[in-house]
């Protein structure tokens, strides 16, 4: 009888640990996704600036091209 109670307590403890570990993993995954989205936004911004720079040369470059 005492062994069954101990086993049940152990099972519930394992279940609680699994729930806590799952929550931690989900939190980690959310943080990773957030960082990846930030990197993607930054890359898009850099790409847009480069496209603008190619499409519209700087004033110094214009002078060199006209000479």
PDB file of N, CA and C in Angstrom:
ATOM      1  N   UNK A   1       0.824  -1.199   0.000  1.00  0.00           N
ATOM      2  CA  UNK A   1       0.000   0.000   0.000  1.00  0.00           C
ATOM      3  C   UNK A   1       0.868   1.262   0.000  1.00  0.00           C
ATOM      4  N   UNK A   2       1.895   1.244   0.827  1.00  0.00           N
ATOM      5  CA  UNK A   2       2.783   2.400   0.905  1.00  0.00           C
ATOM      6  C   UNK A   2       3.590   2.554  -0.396  1.00  0.00           C
ATOM      7  N   UNK A   3       3.940   1.435  -1.005  1.00  0.00           N
ATOM      8  CA  UNK A   3       4.689   1.471  -2.267  1.00  0.00           C
ATOM      9  C   UNK A   3       3.824   2.071  -3.372  1.00  0.00           C
ATOM     10  N   UNK A   4       2.531   1.748  -3.386  1.00  0.00           N
ATOM     11  CA  UNK A   4       1.640   2.313  -4.400  1.00  0.00           C
ATOM     12  C   UNK A   4       1.529   3.828  -4.237  1.00  0.00           C
ATOM     13  N   UNK A   5       1.404   4.259  -3.010  1.00  0.00           N
ATOM     14  CA  UNK A   5       1.292   5.701  -2.741  1.00  0.00           C
ATOM     15  C   UNK A   5       2.580   6.422  -3.176  1.00  0.00           C
ATOM     16  N   UNK A   6       3.709   5.802  -2.867  1.00  0.00           N
ATOM     17  CA  UNK A   6       4.989   6.391  -3.262  1.00  0.00           C
ATOM     18  C   UNK A   6       5.115   6.433  -4.789  1.00  0.00           C
ATOM     19  N   UNK A   7       4.661   5.357  -5.443  1.00  0.00           N
ATOM     20  CA  UNK A   7       4.723   5.306  -6.906  1.00  0.00           C
ATOM     21  C   UNK A   7       3.818   6.363  -7.525  1.00  0.00           C
ATOM     22  N   UNK A   8       2.614   6.528  -6.964  1.00  0.00           N
ATOM     23  CA  UNK A   8       1.687   7.553  -7.461  1.00  0.00           C
ATOM     24  C   UNK A   8       2.279   8.951  -7.278  1.00  0.00           C
ATOM     25  N   UNK A   9       2.904   9.177  -6.140  1.00  0.00           N
ATOM     26  CA  UNK A   9       3.530  10.478  -5.891  1.00  0.00           C
ATOM     27  C   UNK A   9       4.665  10.726  -6.881  1.00  0.00           C
ATOM     28  N   UNK A  10       5.432   9.691  -7.150  1.00  0.00           N
ATOM     29  CA  UNK A  10       6.528   9.812  -8.107  1.00  0.00           C
ATOM     30  C   UNK A  10       5.988  10.110  -9.509  1.00  0.00           C
ATOM     31  N   UNK A  11       4.907   9.416  -9.903  1.00  0.00           N
ATOM     32  CA  UNK A  11       4.312   9.665 -11.214  1.00  0.00           C
ATOM     33  C   UNK A  11       3.828  11.101 -11.333  1.00  0.00           C
ATOM     34  N   UNK A  12       3.193  11.617 -10.298  1.00  0.00           N
ATOM     35  CA  UNK A  12       2.698  12.992 -10.352  1.00  0.00           C
ATOM     36  C   UNK A  12       3.861  13.981 -10.391  1.00  0.00           C
ATOM     37  N   UNK A  13       4.931  13.668  -9.684  1.00  0.00           N
ATOM     38  CA  UNK A  13       6.108  14.531  -9.719  1.00  0.00           C
ATOM     39  C   UNK A  13       6.710  14.558 -11.121  1.00  0.00           C
ATOM     40  N   UNK A  14       6.800  13.405 -11.757  1.00  0.00           N
ATOM     41  CA  UNK A  14       7.325  13.321 -13.123  1.00  0.00           C
ATOM     42  C   UNK A  14       6.438  14.106 -14.072  1.00  0.00           C
ATOM     43  N   UNK A  15       5.131  14.014 -13.894  1.00  0.00           N
ATOM     44  CA  UNK A  15       4.187  14.751 -14.747  1.00  0.00           C
ATOM     45  C   UNK A  15       4.374  16.255 -14.571  1.00  0.00           C
ATOM     46  N   UNK A  16       4.533  16.698 -13.326  1.00  0.00           N
ATOM     47  CA  UNK A  16       4.747  18.127 -13.049  1.00  0.00           C
ATOM     48  C   UNK A  16       6.056  18.599 -13.688  1.00  0.00           C
ATOM     49  N   UNK A  17       7.099  17.772 -13.573  1.00  0.00           N
ATOM     50  CA  UNK A  17       8.380  18.133 -14.186  1.00  0.00           C
ATOM     51  C   UNK A  17       8.242  18.252 -15.702  1.00  0.00           C
ATOM     52  N   UNK A  18       7.495  17.336 -16.319  1.00  0.00           N
ATOM     53  CA  UNK A  18       7.301  17.370 -17.769  1.00  0.00           C
ATOM     54  C   UNK A  18       6.560  18.638 -18.183  1.00  0.00           C
ATOM     55  N   UNK A  19       5.559  19.020 -17.421  1.00  0.00           N
ATOM     56  CA  UNK A  19       4.800  20.242 -17.734  1.00  0.00           C
ATOM     57  C   UNK A  19       5.715  21.452 -17.623  1.00  0.00           C
ATOM     58  N   UNK A  20       6.508  21.512 -16.546  1.00  0.00           N
ATOM     59  CA  UNK A  20       7.414  22.646 -16.353  1.00  0.00           C
ATOM     60  C   UNK A  20       8.457  22.693 -17.463  1.00  0.00           C
ATOM     61  N   UNK A  21       9.001  21.540 -17.826  1.00  0.00           N
ATOM     62  CA  UNK A  21      10.014  21.486 -18.876  1.00  0.00           C
ATOM     63  C   UNK A  21       9.413  21.916 -20.219  1.00  0.00           C
ATOM     64  N   UNK A  22       8.189  21.491 -20.474  1.00  0.00           N
ATOM     65  CA  UNK A  22       7.514  21.886 -21.709  1.00  0.00           C
ATOM     66  C   UNK A  22       7.307  23.388 -21.781  1.00  0.00           C
ATOM     67  N   UNK A  23       6.920  23.991 -20.658  1.00  0.00           N
ATOM     68  CA  UNK A  23       6.721  25.440 -20.620  1.00  0.00           C
ATOM     69  C   UNK A  23       8.043  26.156 -20.874  1.00  0.00           C
ATOM     70  N   UNK A  24       9.120  25.635 -20.296  1.00  0.00           N
ATOM     71  CA  UNK A  24      10.441  26.237 -20.484  1.00  0.00           C
ATOM     72  C   UNK A  24      10.869  26.152 -21.941  1.00  0.00           C
ATOM     73  N   UNK A  25      10.651  25.000 -22.558  1.00  0.00           N
ATOM     74  CA  UNK A  25      11.020  24.815 -23.964  1.00  0.00           C
ATOM     75  C   UNK A  25      10.196  25.746 -24.847  1.00  0.00           C
ATOM     76  N   UNK A  26       8.906  25.885 -24.548  1.00  0.00           N
ATOM     77  CA  UNK A  26       8.067  26.804 -25.332  1.00  0.00           C
ATOM     78  C   UNK A  26       8.577  28.237 -25.203  1.00  0.00           C
ATOM     79  N   UNK A  27       8.952  28.630 -23.997  1.00  0.00           N
ATOM     80  CA  UNK A  27       9.477  29.979 -23.781  1.00  0.00           C
ATOM     81  C   UNK A  27      10.770  30.188 -24.580  1.00  0.00           C
ATOM     82  N   UNK A  28      11.631  29.178 -24.566  1.00  0.00           N
ATOM     83  CA  UNK A  28      12.874  29.255 -25.333  1.00  0.00           C
ATOM     84  C   UNK A  28      12.579  29.381 -26.827  1.00  0.00           C
ATOM     85  N   UNK A  29      11.623  28.608 -27.307  1.00  0.00           N
ATOM     86  CA  UNK A  29      11.267  28.645 -28.722  1.00  0.00           C
ATOM     87  C   UNK A  29      10.705  30.012 -29.097  1.00  0.00           C
ATOM     88  N   UNK A  30       9.876  30.587 -28.248  1.00  0.00           N
ATOM     89  CA  UNK A  30       9.328  31.919 -28.512  1.00  0.00           C
ATOM     90  C   UNK A  30      10.435  32.951 -28.593  1.00  0.00           C
ATOM     91  N   UNK A  31      11.402  32.866 -27.681  1.00  0.00           N
ATOM     92  CA  UNK A  31      12.526  33.812 -27.692  1.00  0.00           C
ATOM     93  C   UNK A  31      13.341  33.650 -28.972  1.00  0.00           C
ATOM     94  N   UNK A  32      13.576  32.414 -29.390  1.00  0.00           N
ATOM     95  CA  UNK A  32      14.344  32.169 -30.606  1.00  0.00           C
ATOM     96  C   UNK A  32      13.614  32.721 -31.828  1.00  0.00           C
ATOM     97  N   UNK A  33      12.313  32.500 -31.891  1.00  0.00           N
ATOM     98  CA  UNK A  33      11.516  33.011 -33.023  1.00  0.00           C
ATOM     99  C   UNK A  33      11.539  34.533 -33.043  1.00  0.00           C
ATOM    100  N   UNK A  34      11.433  35.139 -31.869  1.00  0.00           N
ATOM    101  CA  UNK A  34      11.467  36.602 -31.770  1.00  0.00           C
ATOM    102  C   UNK A  34      12.796  37.134 -32.311  1.00  0.00           C
ATOM    103  N   UNK A  35      13.906  36.505 -31.924  1.00  0.00           N
ATOM    104  CA  UNK A  35      15.227  36.934 -32.398  1.00  0.00           C
ATOM    105  C   UNK A  35      15.361  36.736 -33.903  1.00  0.00           C
ATOM    106  N   UNK A  36      14.850  35.624 -34.412  1.00  0.00           N
ATOM    107  CA  UNK A  36      14.926  35.366 -35.852  1.00  0.00           C
ATOM    108  C   UNK A  36      14.115  36.391 -36.635  1.00  0.00           C
ATOM    109  N   UNK A  37      12.947  36.772 -36.108  1.00  0.00           N
ATOM    110  CA  UNK A  37      12.131  37.783 -36.777  1.00  0.00           C
ATOM    111  C   UNK A  37      12.847  39.128 -36.788  1.00  0.00           C
ATOM    112  N   UNK A  38      13.501  39.463 -35.676  1.00  0.00           N
ATOM    113  CA  UNK A  38      14.246  40.720 -35.604  1.00  0.00           C
ATOM    114  C   UNK A  38      15.381  40.722 -36.620  1.00  0.00           C
ATOM    115  N   UNK A  39      16.079  39.599 -36.749  1.00  0.00           N
ATOM    116  CA  UNK A  39      17.161  39.489 -37.731  1.00  0.00           C
ATOM    117  C   UNK A  39      16.611  39.641 -39.150  1.00  0.00           C
ATOM    118  N   UNK A  40      15.467  39.035 -39.431  1.00  0.00           N
ATOM    119  CA  UNK A  40      14.866  39.122 -40.762  1.00  0.00           C
ATOM    120  C   UNK A  40      14.480  40.571 -41.072  1.00  0.00           C
ATOM    121  N   UNK A  41      13.926  41.275 -40.080  1.00  0.00           N
ATOM    122  CA  UNK A  41      13.571  42.682 -40.290  1.00  0.00           C
ATOM    123  C   UNK A  41      14.817  43.517 -40.571  1.00  0.00           C
ATOM    124  N   UNK A  42      15.879  43.253 -39.818  1.00  0.00           N
ATOM    125  CA  UNK A  42      17.129  43.986 -40.012  1.00  0.00           C
ATOM    126  C   UNK A  42      17.710  43.706 -41.395  1.00  0.00           C
ATOM    127  N   UNK A  43      17.691  42.450 -41.809  1.00  0.00           N
ATOM    128  CA  UNK A  43      18.199  42.109 -43.136  1.00  0.00           C
ATOM    129  C   UNK A  43      17.390  42.792 -44.230  1.00  0.00           C
ATOM    130  N   UNK A  44      16.086  42.843 -44.064  1.00  0.00           N
ATOM    131  CA  UNK A  44      15.231  43.507 -45.057  1.00  0.00           C
ATOM    132  C   UNK A  44      15.547  44.997 -45.124  1.00  0.00           C
ATOM    133  N   UNK A  45      15.786  45.598 -43.970  1.00  0.00           N
ATOM    134  CA  UNK A  45      16.116  47.023 -43.933  1.00  0.00           C
ATOM    135  C   UNK A  45      17.441  47.297 -44.647  1.00  0.00           C
ATOM    136  N   UNK A  46      18.440  46.446 -44.371  1.00  0.00           N
ATOM    137  CA  UNK A  46      19.746  46.608 -45.019  1.00  0.00           C
ATOM    138  C   UNK A  46      19.610  46.409 -46.526  1.00  0.00           C
ATOM    139  N   UNK A  47      18.857  45.392 -46.928  1.00  0.00           N
ATOM    140  CA  UNK A  47      18.661  45.121 -48.353  1.00  0.00           C
ATOM    141  C   UNK A  47      17.985  46.313 -49.035  1.00  0.00           C
ATOM    142  N   UNK A  48      16.988  46.902 -48.376  1.00  0.00           N
ATOM    143  CA  UNK A  48      16.287  48.056 -48.952  1.00  0.00           C
ATOM    144  C   UNK A  48      17.229  49.245 -49.099  1.00  0.00           C
ATOM    145  N   UNK A  49      18.078  49.468 -48.094  1.00  0.00           N
ATOM    146  CA  UNK A  49      19.036  50.577 -48.185  1.00  0.00           C
ATOM    147  C   UNK A  49      20.018  50.354 -49.324  1.00  0.00           C
ATOM    148  N   UNK A  50      20.462  49.116 -49.481  1.00  0.00           N
ATOM    149  CA  UNK A  50      21.404  48.820 -50.569  1.00  0.00           C
ATOM    150  C   UNK A  50      20.742  49.056 -51.921  1.00  0.00           C
ATOM    151  N   UNK A  51      19.478  48.654 -52.039  1.00  0.00           N
ATOM    152  CA  UNK A  51      18.770  48.857 -53.309  1.00  0.00           C
ATOM    153  C   UNK A  51      18.624  50.353 -53.592  1.00  0.00           C
ATOM    154  N   UNK A  52      18.348  51.145 -52.563  1.00  0.00           N
ATOM    155  CA  UNK A  52      18.246  52.594 -52.750  1.00  0.00           C
ATOM    156  C   UNK A  52      19.593  53.177 -53.157  1.00  0.00           C
ATOM    157  N   UNK A  53      20.652  52.694 -52.545  1.00  0.00           N
ATOM    158  CA  UNK A  53      21.989  53.193 -52.859  1.00  0.00           C
ATOM    159  C   UNK A  53      22.362  52.859 -54.293  1.00  0.00           C
ATOM    160  N   UNK A  54      21.973  51.704 -54.775  1.00  0.00           N
ATOM    161  CA  UNK A  54      22.267  51.319 -56.160  1.00  0.00           C
ATOM    162  C   UNK A  54      21.420  52.145 -57.117  1.00  0.00           C
ATOM    163  N   UNK A  55      20.165  52.358 -56.772  1.00  0.00           N
ATOM    164  CA  UNK A  55      19.253  53.086 -57.658  1.00  0.00           C
ATOM    165  C   UNK A  55      19.585  54.571 -57.714  1.00  0.00           C
ATOM    166  N   UNK A  56      20.043  55.126 -56.590  1.00  0.00           N
ATOM    167  CA  UNK A  56      20.312  56.561 -56.526  1.00  0.00           C
ATOM    168  C   UNK A  56      21.731  56.759 -55.992  1.00  0.00           C
ATOM    169  N   UNK A  57      22.698  57.031 -56.851  1.00  0.00           N
ATOM    170  CA  UNK A  57      24.077  57.199 -56.383  1.00  0.00           C
ATOM    171  C   UNK A  57      24.225  58.441 -55.505  1.00  0.00           C
ATOM    172  N   UNK A  58      25.226  58.432 -54.680  1.00  0.00           N
ATOM    173  CA  UNK A  58      25.526  59.572 -53.812  1.00  0.00           C
ATOM    174  C   UNK A  58      25.927  60.768 -54.690  1.00  0.00           C
ATOM    175  N   UNK A  59      25.798  62.002 -54.193  1.00  0.00           N
ATOM    176  CA  UNK A  59      26.170  63.186 -54.988  1.00  0.00           C
ATOM    177  C   UNK A  59      27.624  63.151 -55.460  1.00  0.00           C
ATOM    178  N   UNK A  60      28.530  62.689 -54.644  1.00  0.00           N
ATOM    179  CA  UNK A  60      29.937  62.607 -55.053  1.00  0.00           C
ATOM    180  C   UNK A  60      30.092  61.644 -56.221  1.00  0.00           C
ATOM    181  N   UNK A  61      29.382  60.543 -56.177  1.00  0.00           N
ATOM    182  CA  UNK A  61      29.454  59.565 -57.249  1.00  0.00           C
ATOM    183  C   UNK A  61      28.879  60.144 -58.539  1.00  0.00           C
ATOM    184  N   UNK A  62      27.813  60.960 -58.425  1.00  0.00           N
ATOM    185  CA  UNK A  62      27.217  61.592 -59.599  1.00  0.00           C
ATOM    186  C   UNK A  62      28.219  62.504 -60.290  1.00  0.00           C
ATOM    187  N   UNK A  63      28.981  63.271 -59.484  1.00  0.00           N
ATOM    188  CA  UNK A  63      29.976  64.171 -60.056  1.00  0.00           C
ATOM    189  C   UNK A  63      31.041  63.386 -60.801  1.00  0.00           C
ATOM    190  N   UNK A  64      31.445  62.256 -60.229  1.00  0.00           N
ATOM    191  CA  UNK A  64      32.459  61.440 -60.882  1.00  0.00           C
ATOM    192  C   UNK A  64      31.942  60.856 -62.181  1.00  0.00           C
ATOM    193  N   UNK A  65      30.670  60.463 -62.169  1.00  0.00           N
ATOM    194  CA  UNK A  65      30.091  59.882 -63.370  1.00  0.00           C
ATOM    195  C   UNK A  65      29.924  60.912 -64.476  1.00  0.00           C
ATOM    196  N   UNK A  66      29.645  62.178 -64.129  1.00  0.00           N
ATOM    197  CA  UNK A  66      29.437  63.233 -65.103  1.00  0.00           C
ATOM    198  C   UNK A  66      30.758  63.717 -65.712  1.00  0.00           C
ATOM    199  N   UNK A  67      31.853  63.587 -64.996  1.00  0.00           N
ATOM    200  CA  UNK A  67      33.158  64.080 -65.488  1.00  0.00           C
ATOM    201  C   UNK A  67      33.657  63.294 -66.658  1.00  0.00           C
TER     202      UNK A  67
END
